[in-house]
Amino acid sequence: MNKEKTDYGTLNRLNLHLVVGLYRSISRISRSTQKLMAQYNLTEPQFGVLEVLYHLGSMKIGDIIAKTLSTSGNMTVVIRNLEQEGWVTRCTDPADKRVCLIQITKEGKNLIDTIFPEHLKDLAGMLNHLQQEEKEQLLHLLKKMNHLKK
């Protein structure tokens, strides 16, 4: 069956192509990251939590959710699994005894110390065809698209 192509106009066609391009880029990065994390028996969300705790220190679950762009339902499972592996622990916030903080353990830090350089190398390989100026321009455009200040 031969269907005629609908012409939505130049701007709409450009917007559609842009969204498809963004999805393909994110999918490619995500697949590569998942492949690397699987070598260490980690999921991408688990890596995200460990990486945030490693670089930013102990955090409340709500703050981890915001930093990793996760959902609360998923985060409960992710943190429980990380606890079972001995990579994170829960502790009471000294500033507010009602608040529970998640902190990375020594074992978790050792794991990130091993994985993170490989992750950086993987990202560099995927983005090596862009010059530094192009990366800075892309970052600026993405922030503009998401209404963030530089």
Protein backbone atom coordinates (compact mmCIF):
# COMPACT_ATOMS: atom_id res chain seq x y z
CA MET A 1 0.00 0.00 0.00
CA ASN A 2 1.51 3.30 -1.09
CA LYS A 3 0.64 6.12 1.25
CA GLU A 4 1.20 9.72 0.35
CA LYS A 5 3.49 11.57 2.72
CA THR A 6 1.79 14.27 4.70
CA ASP A 7 3.61 17.57 4.67
CA TYR A 8 3.47 19.12 8.12
CA GLY A 9 5.55 22.08 7.09
CA THR A 10 9.22 22.90 7.33
CA LEU A 11 9.25 23.93 11.00
CA ASN A 12 7.25 20.90 12.19
CA ARG A 13 9.40 18.55 10.10
CA LEU A 14 12.54 20.11 11.60
CA ASN A 15 11.13 19.78 15.15
CA LEU A 16 10.31 16.10 14.53
CA HIS A 17 13.79 15.40 13.14
CA LEU A 18 15.36 17.17 16.11
CA VAL A 19 13.41 15.08 18.63
CA VAL A 20 14.26 11.85 16.81
CA GLY A 21 17.93 12.87 16.75
CA LEU A 22 17.91 13.62 20.49
CA TYR A 23 16.25 10.26 21.27
CA ARG A 24 18.76 8.38 19.12
CA SER A 25 21.67 10.11 20.84
CA ILE A 26 20.34 9.37 24.33
CA SER A 27 19.55 5.77 23.36
CA ARG A 28 23.07 5.25 22.04
CA ILE A 29 24.65 6.66 25.20
CA SER A 30 22.27 4.69 27.42
CA ARG A 31 22.95 1.38 25.62
CA SER A 32 26.68 1.89 25.94
CA THR A 33 26.41 2.84 29.62
CA GLN A 34 24.17 -0.17 30.34
CA LYS A 35 26.68 -2.47 28.66
CA LEU A 36 29.52 -1.10 30.81
CA MET A 37 27.48 -1.24 34.03
CA ALA A 38 26.42 -4.84 33.34
CA GLN A 39 30.09 -5.83 33.51
CA TYR A 40 29.98 -4.75 37.17
CA ASN A 41 26.54 -6.21 37.92
CA LEU A 42 25.05 -2.70 38.13
CA THR A 43 22.05 -1.10 36.50
CA GLU A 44 22.21 2.39 35.07
CA PRO A 45 20.05 3.79 37.94
CA GLN A 46 22.28 2.09 40.52
CA PHE A 47 25.34 3.63 38.91
CA GLY A 48 23.61 7.02 38.94
CA VAL A 49 22.97 6.81 42.68
CA LEU A 50 26.51 5.68 43.46
CA GLU A 51 27.99 8.39 41.23
CA VAL A 52 25.90 11.14 42.86
CA LEU A 53 26.77 9.99 46.38
CA TYR A 54 30.42 9.63 45.44
CA HIS A 55 30.67 13.15 44.04
CA LEU A 56 28.21 15.03 46.27
CA GLY A 57 28.22 13.11 49.56
CA SER A 58 25.39 11.73 51.67
CA MET A 59 21.89 12.77 50.58
CA LYS A 60 18.22 12.39 51.38
CA ILE A 61 16.34 10.07 49.05
CA GLY A 62 14.34 12.97 47.60
CA ASP A 63 17.55 14.78 46.68
CA ILE A 64 18.94 11.64 45.03
CA ILE A 65 15.74 11.32 43.01
CA ALA A 66 16.08 14.93 41.82
CA LYS A 67 19.77 14.59 40.94
CA THR A 68 19.37 11.29 39.08
CA LEU A 69 16.08 12.19 37.36
CA SER A 70 14.47 9.03 38.80
CA THR A 71 11.09 8.22 40.31
CA SER A 72 10.41 7.51 43.97
CA GLY A 73 9.02 4.03 43.29
CA ASN A 74 12.08 2.98 41.37
CA MET A 75 14.49 4.61 43.84
CA THR A 76 13.31 2.49 46.76
CA VAL A 77 14.25 -0.68 44.90
CA VAL A 78 17.53 0.77 43.62
CA ILE A 79 18.68 1.81 47.10
CA ARG A 80 17.57 -1.48 48.67
CA ASN A 81 19.60 -3.41 46.08
CA LEU A 82 22.63 -1.17 46.61
CA GLU A 83 22.32 -1.76 50.37
CA GLN A 84 22.16 -5.53 49.86
CA GLU A 85 25.40 -5.35 47.87
CA GLY A 86 27.04 -3.31 50.65
CA TRP A 87 27.59 -0.27 48.41
CA VAL A 88 25.39 2.18 50.38
CA THR A 89 24.04 2.49 53.91
CA ARG A 90 21.29 4.47 55.58
CA CYS A 91 22.07 6.75 58.49
CA THR A 92 20.33 9.42 60.54
CA ASP A 93 20.89 13.03 59.54
CA PRO A 94 22.78 14.68 62.41
CA ALA A 95 21.00 17.97 61.65
CA ASP A 96 17.51 16.38 61.79
CA LYS A 97 17.09 13.01 63.50
CA ARG A 98 13.81 12.43 61.61
CA VAL A 99 15.64 12.38 58.26
CA CYS A 100 17.36 9.37 56.76
CA LEU A 101 20.48 9.93 54.67
CA ILE A 102 21.92 7.54 52.12
CA GLN A 103 25.71 7.36 52.09
CA ILE A 104 28.16 5.48 49.93
CA THR A 105 30.29 2.85 51.68
CA LYS A 106 34.00 2.23 51.25
CA GLU A 107 33.10 -0.70 48.96
CA GLY A 108 30.85 1.59 46.92
CA LYS A 109 33.63 4.17 46.63
CA ASN A 110 36.06 1.49 45.48
CA LEU A 111 33.56 0.36 42.85
CA ILE A 112 33.09 3.90 41.51
CA ASP A 113 36.85 4.46 41.57
CA THR A 114 37.09 1.48 39.21
CA ILE A 115 34.09 2.18 36.97
CA PHE A 116 34.14 5.96 36.60
CA PRO A 117 37.36 6.23 34.55
CA GLU A 118 35.96 3.58 32.18
CA HIS A 119 32.68 5.52 31.97
CA LEU A 120 34.57 8.72 31.09
CA LYS A 121 36.54 6.85 28.43
CA ASP A 122 33.31 5.40 27.01
CA LEU A 123 31.70 8.86 26.83
CA ALA A 124 34.82 10.32 25.22
CA GLY A 125 34.67 7.62 22.56
CA MET A 126 31.05 8.37 21.77
CA LEU A 127 31.56 12.13 21.68
CA ASN A 128 35.03 12.30 20.12
CA HIS A 129 33.69 13.43 16.74
CA LEU A 130 32.57 16.73 18.29
CA GLN A 131 35.09 19.50 18.89
CA GLN A 132 35.19 21.16 22.32
CA GLU A 133 33.53 24.28 20.94
CA GLU A 134 30.74 22.18 19.43
CA LYS A 135 30.19 20.40 22.76
CA GLU A 136 29.99 23.76 24.54
CA GLN A 137 27.56 25.04 21.92
CA LEU A 138 25.41 21.90 22.20
CA LEU A 139 25.36 22.20 25.99
CA HIS A 140 24.34 25.86 25.69
CA LEU A 141 21.53 24.95 23.27
CA LEU A 142 20.27 22.11 25.48
CA LYS A 143 20.19 24.44 28.48
CA LYS A 144 18.37 27.03 26.41
CA MET A 145 15.90 24.40 25.25
CA ASN A 146 15.28 23.40 28.87
CA HIS A 147 15.12 27.04 30.02
CA LEU A 148 18.16 26.72 32.29
CA LYS A 149 20.59 29.50 33.00
CA LYS A 150 24.24 29.03 32.12
